[in-house]
């Protein structure tokens, strides 16, 4: 059974940092490109970053490029999103998923950037 479990969100001041984690199960994680998305209420889910199975970043959205870093640990079936220099507009629910063929979404993790 495919499962994605995100964690690490919270409330942070502008300019601060957070590190999100996503543990995946139910598919061959180490050969699958993974991605992080985010969604603001009332808006479509947005692709934030993606990483190959080997650990090479594939893509960053223009809005996060240079501030966010995607990485993975295949031994732990985990993909990470290090978010630095956070801005209020980064406030959203963050989700992970496969990059090419989406599977069932997890519950996401809320990130709120506010002073």
N, C-alpha and C. Protein backbone atom coordinates (compact mmCIF):
# COMPACT_ATOMS: atom_id res chain seq x y z
N UNK A 1 0.85 -1.19 0.00
CA UNK A 1 0.00 0.00 0.00
C UNK A 1 0.88 1.25 0.00
N UNK A 2 0.64 2.12 -0.95
CA UNK A 2 1.42 3.35 -1.05
C UNK A 2 1.04 4.30 0.09
N UNK A 3 2.05 4.86 0.72
CA UNK A 3 1.80 5.81 1.80
C UNK A 3 2.87 6.89 1.78
N UNK A 4 2.44 8.12 1.97
CA UNK A 4 3.34 9.28 2.07
C UNK A 4 2.99 10.01 3.37
N UNK A 5 3.99 10.23 4.21
CA UNK A 5 3.76 10.88 5.49
C UNK A 5 4.70 12.07 5.63
N UNK A 6 4.13 13.26 5.57
CA UNK A 6 4.91 14.50 5.68
C UNK A 6 4.95 14.99 7.12
N UNK A 7 6.04 15.65 7.48
CA UNK A 7 6.18 16.24 8.82
C UNK A 7 7.18 17.38 8.77
N UNK A 8 7.24 18.13 9.86
CA UNK A 8 8.25 19.17 9.98
C UNK A 8 7.74 20.58 9.83
N UNK A 9 6.47 20.74 9.50
CA UNK A 9 5.93 22.09 9.36
C UNK A 9 5.77 22.78 10.69
N UNK A 10 5.37 24.05 10.62
CA UNK A 10 5.17 24.81 11.84
C UNK A 10 5.06 26.28 11.56
N UNK A 11 5.12 27.06 12.62
CA UNK A 11 5.07 28.52 12.53
C UNK A 11 6.49 29.07 12.64
N UNK A 12 6.86 29.91 11.71
CA UNK A 12 8.21 30.47 11.70
C UNK A 12 8.13 31.93 11.28
N UNK A 13 9.06 32.74 11.78
CA UNK A 13 9.08 34.15 11.41
C UNK A 13 9.70 34.33 10.02
N UNK A 14 9.36 35.41 9.35
CA UNK A 14 10.00 35.69 8.05
C UNK A 14 11.53 35.71 8.20
N UNK A 15 12.20 35.08 7.22
CA UNK A 15 13.65 34.96 7.28
C UNK A 15 14.13 33.70 7.96
N UNK A 16 13.23 32.99 8.59
CA UNK A 16 13.59 31.77 9.30
C UNK A 16 13.69 30.56 8.39
N UNK A 17 13.92 29.40 9.01
CA UNK A 17 14.12 28.15 8.27
C UNK A 17 13.27 27.03 8.85
N UNK A 18 12.94 26.09 8.01
CA UNK A 18 12.29 24.85 8.41
C UNK A 18 12.81 23.73 7.52
N UNK A 19 12.76 22.51 8.05
CA UNK A 19 13.13 21.33 7.26
C UNK A 19 11.97 20.35 7.29
N UNK A 20 11.41 20.11 6.13
CA UNK A 20 10.31 19.16 6.00
C UNK A 20 10.85 17.78 5.65
N UNK A 21 10.13 16.76 6.11
CA UNK A 21 10.47 15.37 5.81
C UNK A 21 9.26 14.66 5.25
N UNK A 22 9.50 13.68 4.41
CA UNK A 22 8.42 12.85 3.86
C UNK A 22 8.94 11.42 3.79
N UNK A 23 8.27 10.54 4.52
CA UNK A 23 8.61 9.12 4.49
C UNK A 23 7.65 8.42 3.55
N UNK A 24 8.19 7.69 2.59
CA UNK A 24 7.39 7.01 1.58
C UNK A 24 7.47 5.50 1.75
N UNK A 25 6.41 4.82 1.38
CA UNK A 25 6.39 3.36 1.42
C UNK A 25 5.44 2.84 0.35
N UNK A 26 5.63 1.56 -0.02
CA UNK A 26 4.72 0.92 -0.96
C UNK A 26 5.15 0.96 -2.40
N UNK A 27 6.33 1.51 -2.67
CA UNK A 27 6.87 1.51 -4.03
C UNK A 27 8.40 1.56 -3.93
N UNK A 28 9.10 1.24 -5.02
CA UNK A 28 10.58 1.20 -4.98
C UNK A 28 11.18 2.59 -4.93
N UNK A 29 11.26 3.13 -3.75
CA UNK A 29 11.60 4.53 -3.52
C UNK A 29 12.90 4.94 -4.22
N UNK A 30 13.92 4.13 -4.11
CA UNK A 30 15.25 4.56 -4.55
C UNK A 30 15.35 4.78 -6.05
N UNK A 31 14.42 4.29 -6.85
CA UNK A 31 14.49 4.48 -8.30
C UNK A 31 13.43 5.46 -8.80
N UNK A 32 12.73 6.08 -7.88
CA UNK A 32 11.62 6.96 -8.25
C UNK A 32 11.97 8.41 -7.96
N UNK A 33 11.83 9.27 -8.97
CA UNK A 33 11.98 10.70 -8.74
C UNK A 33 10.85 11.19 -7.84
N UNK A 34 11.19 12.06 -6.90
CA UNK A 34 10.21 12.57 -5.94
C UNK A 34 10.11 14.09 -6.04
N UNK A 35 9.06 14.61 -5.45
CA UNK A 35 8.83 16.05 -5.55
C UNK A 35 8.11 16.56 -4.31
N UNK A 36 8.20 17.85 -4.12
CA UNK A 36 7.43 18.57 -3.11
C UNK A 36 6.49 19.54 -3.83
N UNK A 37 5.27 19.58 -3.33
CA UNK A 37 4.24 20.51 -3.81
C UNK A 37 3.78 21.36 -2.63
N UNK A 38 3.09 22.43 -2.92
CA UNK A 38 2.42 23.19 -1.87
C UNK A 38 1.09 23.70 -2.39
N UNK A 39 0.19 23.94 -1.45
CA UNK A 39 -1.14 24.41 -1.81
C UNK A 39 -1.63 25.45 -0.82
N UNK A 40 -2.05 26.57 -1.37
CA UNK A 40 -2.68 27.63 -0.59
C UNK A 40 -4.18 27.45 -0.77
N UNK A 41 -4.97 27.62 0.29
CA UNK A 41 -6.43 27.47 0.14
C UNK A 41 -6.97 28.29 -1.00
N UNK A 42 -7.80 27.64 -1.84
CA UNK A 42 -8.41 28.35 -2.95
C UNK A 42 -7.57 28.39 -4.21
N UNK A 43 -6.33 27.83 -4.12
CA UNK A 43 -5.45 27.83 -5.29
C UNK A 43 -5.05 26.39 -5.64
N UNK A 44 -4.56 26.22 -6.86
CA UNK A 44 -4.12 24.90 -7.30
C UNK A 44 -2.82 24.51 -6.61
N UNK A 45 -2.63 23.20 -6.50
CA UNK A 45 -1.38 22.71 -5.94
C UNK A 45 -0.23 23.05 -6.88
N UNK A 46 0.88 23.51 -6.31
CA UNK A 46 2.00 24.02 -7.09
C UNK A 46 3.24 23.14 -6.87
N UNK A 47 3.93 22.78 -7.95
CA UNK A 47 5.18 22.04 -7.82
C UNK A 47 6.26 22.98 -7.30
N UNK A 48 6.95 22.57 -6.24
CA UNK A 48 7.98 23.40 -5.62
C UNK A 48 9.37 22.93 -6.02
N UNK A 49 9.60 21.63 -5.94
CA UNK A 49 10.93 21.09 -6.22
C UNK A 49 10.82 19.61 -6.54
N UNK A 50 11.80 19.09 -7.28
CA UNK A 50 11.83 17.68 -7.63
C UNK A 50 13.26 17.17 -7.61
N UNK A 51 13.40 15.85 -7.37
CA UNK A 51 14.73 15.26 -7.24
C UNK A 51 14.72 13.88 -7.87
N UNK A 52 15.80 13.51 -8.54
CA UNK A 52 15.88 12.20 -9.17
C UNK A 52 16.08 11.11 -8.12
N UNK A 53 15.93 9.87 -8.53
CA UNK A 53 16.15 8.76 -7.63
C UNK A 53 17.58 8.71 -7.10
N UNK A 54 18.51 9.20 -7.90
CA UNK A 54 19.92 9.20 -7.51
C UNK A 54 20.28 10.38 -6.60
N UNK A 55 19.35 11.30 -6.43
CA UNK A 55 19.60 12.42 -5.53
C UNK A 55 19.99 13.72 -6.20
N UNK A 56 19.83 13.81 -7.50
CA UNK A 56 20.15 15.06 -8.21
C UNK A 56 18.90 15.92 -8.34
N UNK A 57 18.95 17.17 -7.91
CA UNK A 57 17.78 18.05 -8.08
C UNK A 57 17.43 18.17 -9.56
N UNK A 58 16.13 18.08 -9.84
CA UNK A 58 15.64 18.17 -11.21
C UNK A 58 15.09 19.56 -11.50
N UNK A 59 14.37 20.09 -10.51
CA UNK A 59 13.65 21.34 -10.78
C UNK A 59 13.37 22.06 -9.47
N UNK A 60 13.42 23.37 -9.51
CA UNK A 60 12.90 24.26 -8.47
C UNK A 60 11.99 25.27 -9.13
N UNK A 61 10.90 25.60 -8.48
CA UNK A 61 10.07 26.67 -9.00
C UNK A 61 10.82 27.99 -8.86
N UNK A 62 10.47 28.94 -9.72
CA UNK A 62 11.13 30.24 -9.67
C UNK A 62 10.98 30.90 -8.31
N UNK A 63 9.86 30.68 -7.67
CA UNK A 63 9.57 31.36 -6.42
C UNK A 63 10.43 30.86 -5.25
N UNK A 64 11.02 29.67 -5.36
CA UNK A 64 11.81 29.13 -4.25
C UNK A 64 13.27 28.89 -4.62
N UNK A 65 13.60 29.02 -5.88
CA UNK A 65 14.96 28.75 -6.34
C UNK A 65 15.96 29.64 -5.59
N UNK A 66 16.99 29.00 -5.03
CA UNK A 66 17.99 29.73 -4.27
C UNK A 66 17.69 29.81 -2.79
N UNK A 67 16.49 29.45 -2.38
CA UNK A 67 16.10 29.48 -0.96
C UNK A 67 15.79 28.09 -0.41
N UNK A 68 15.25 27.23 -1.24
CA UNK A 68 14.87 25.87 -0.83
C UNK A 68 15.84 24.86 -1.43
N UNK A 69 16.06 23.76 -0.69
CA UNK A 69 16.93 22.69 -1.18
C UNK A 69 16.24 21.35 -0.96
N UNK A 70 16.10 20.58 -2.02
CA UNK A 70 15.51 19.26 -1.93
C UNK A 70 16.63 18.23 -1.85
N UNK A 71 16.42 17.20 -1.02
CA UNK A 71 17.40 16.12 -0.89
C UNK A 71 16.65 14.85 -0.51
N UNK A 72 17.38 13.75 -0.47
CA UNK A 72 16.74 12.48 -0.13
C UNK A 72 17.76 11.54 0.52
N UNK A 73 17.22 10.60 1.30
CA UNK A 73 18.01 9.53 1.90
C UNK A 73 17.33 8.22 1.51
N UNK A 74 17.86 7.54 0.52
CA UNK A 74 17.21 6.33 0.03
C UNK A 74 17.22 5.19 1.05
N UNK A 75 18.18 5.21 1.95
CA UNK A 75 18.22 4.18 3.00
C UNK A 75 17.06 4.33 3.97
N UNK A 76 16.52 5.54 4.06
CA UNK A 76 15.41 5.82 4.98
C UNK A 76 14.10 6.06 4.25
N UNK A 77 14.10 5.87 2.94
CA UNK A 77 12.89 6.14 2.14
C UNK A 77 12.31 7.52 2.43
N UNK A 78 13.18 8.50 2.55
CA UNK A 78 12.77 9.83 2.98
C UNK A 78 13.28 10.90 2.02
N UNK A 79 12.42 11.85 1.72
CA UNK A 79 12.79 13.02 0.94
C UNK A 79 12.62 14.25 1.84
N UNK A 80 13.52 15.20 1.71
CA UNK A 80 13.53 16.39 2.57
C UNK A 80 13.36 17.65 1.74
N UNK A 81 12.90 18.70 2.41
CA UNK A 81 12.88 20.03 1.81
C UNK A 81 13.39 21.01 2.86
N UNK A 82 14.60 21.49 2.66
CA UNK A 82 15.18 22.51 3.52
C UNK A 82 14.73 23.86 3.00
N UNK A 83 14.06 24.62 3.84
CA UNK A 83 13.50 25.90 3.43
C UNK A 83 14.17 26.99 4.25
N UNK A 84 14.89 27.85 3.57
CA UNK A 84 15.59 28.97 4.21
C UNK A 84 15.05 30.29 3.70
N UNK A 85 15.34 31.34 4.46
CA UNK A 85 14.88 32.70 4.09
C UNK A 85 13.39 32.69 3.73
N UNK A 86 12.61 32.10 4.62
CA UNK A 86 11.18 31.97 4.37
C UNK A 86 10.49 33.32 4.30
N UNK A 87 9.46 33.37 3.47
CA UNK A 87 8.67 34.58 3.26
C UNK A 87 7.21 34.29 3.61
N UNK A 88 6.43 35.29 3.93
CA UNK A 88 5.01 35.06 4.21
C UNK A 88 4.30 34.34 3.06
N UNK A 89 4.71 34.60 1.84
CA UNK A 89 4.05 33.96 0.69
C UNK A 89 4.39 32.48 0.55
N UNK A 90 5.29 31.97 1.38
CA UNK A 90 5.57 30.54 1.42
C UNK A 90 4.56 29.78 2.28
N UNK A 91 3.70 30.53 2.97
CA UNK A 91 2.68 29.89 3.81
C UNK A 91 1.76 29.02 2.96
N UNK A 92 1.66 27.74 3.32
CA UNK A 92 0.89 26.77 2.54
C UNK A 92 0.93 25.43 3.25
N UNK A 93 0.15 24.50 2.75
CA UNK A 93 0.30 23.10 3.14
C UNK A 93 1.24 22.45 2.13
N UNK A 94 2.25 21.78 2.63
CA UNK A 94 3.26 21.18 1.77
C UNK A 94 3.05 19.66 1.71
N UNK A 95 3.14 19.13 0.51
CA UNK A 95 2.95 17.71 0.25
C UNK A 95 4.14 17.16 -0.54
N UNK A 96 4.43 15.90 -0.36
CA UNK A 96 5.38 15.24 -1.25
C UNK A 96 4.61 14.25 -2.12
N UNK A 97 5.20 13.88 -3.23
CA UNK A 97 4.63 12.86 -4.10
C UNK A 97 5.68 12.44 -5.09
N UNK A 98 5.38 11.43 -5.87
CA UNK A 98 6.26 11.05 -6.95
C UNK A 98 6.25 12.15 -7.99
N UNK A 99 7.34 12.31 -8.73
CA UNK A 99 7.44 13.41 -9.68
C UNK A 99 6.70 13.12 -10.98
N UNK A 100 6.79 11.87 -11.46
CA UNK A 100 6.23 11.57 -12.78
C UNK A 100 4.81 11.02 -12.66
N UNK A 101 4.63 10.00 -11.89
CA UNK A 101 3.32 9.37 -11.75
C UNK A 101 2.84 9.55 -10.32
N UNK A 102 1.87 10.46 -10.15
CA UNK A 102 1.41 10.76 -8.81
C UNK A 102 0.70 9.56 -8.19
N UNK A 103 0.84 9.45 -6.88
CA UNK A 103 0.10 8.45 -6.11
C UNK A 103 -0.79 9.18 -5.11
N UNK A 104 -1.45 8.42 -4.26
CA UNK A 104 -2.37 9.04 -3.30
C UNK A 104 -1.63 10.05 -2.42
N UNK A 105 -2.25 11.20 -2.21
CA UNK A 105 -1.61 12.25 -1.42
C UNK A 105 -1.65 11.92 0.08
N UNK A 106 -0.62 12.36 0.77
CA UNK A 106 -0.62 12.27 2.22
C UNK A 106 -1.42 13.41 2.82
N UNK A 107 -1.28 13.58 4.13
CA UNK A 107 -2.06 14.62 4.80
C UNK A 107 -1.41 15.99 4.69
N UNK A 108 -0.16 16.02 4.28
CA UNK A 108 0.54 17.30 4.16
C UNK A 108 1.01 17.82 5.51
N UNK A 109 1.80 18.88 5.47
CA UNK A 109 2.26 19.53 6.69
C UNK A 109 2.15 21.04 6.50
N UNK A 110 1.55 21.71 7.48
CA UNK A 110 1.27 23.14 7.38
C UNK A 110 2.53 23.94 7.70
N UNK A 111 2.84 24.88 6.82
CA UNK A 111 3.93 25.83 7.05
C UNK A 111 3.31 27.23 7.08
N UNK A 112 3.54 27.93 8.17
CA UNK A 112 3.03 29.29 8.33
C UNK A 112 4.19 30.22 8.61
N UNK A 113 4.34 31.22 7.75
CA UNK A 113 5.43 32.19 7.91
C UNK A 113 4.79 33.53 8.28
N UNK A 114 5.00 33.94 9.50
CA UNK A 114 4.34 35.13 10.00
C UNK A 114 5.10 35.68 11.21
N UNK A 115 5.07 37.00 11.34
CA UNK A 115 5.68 37.62 12.50
C UNK A 115 4.63 37.85 13.59
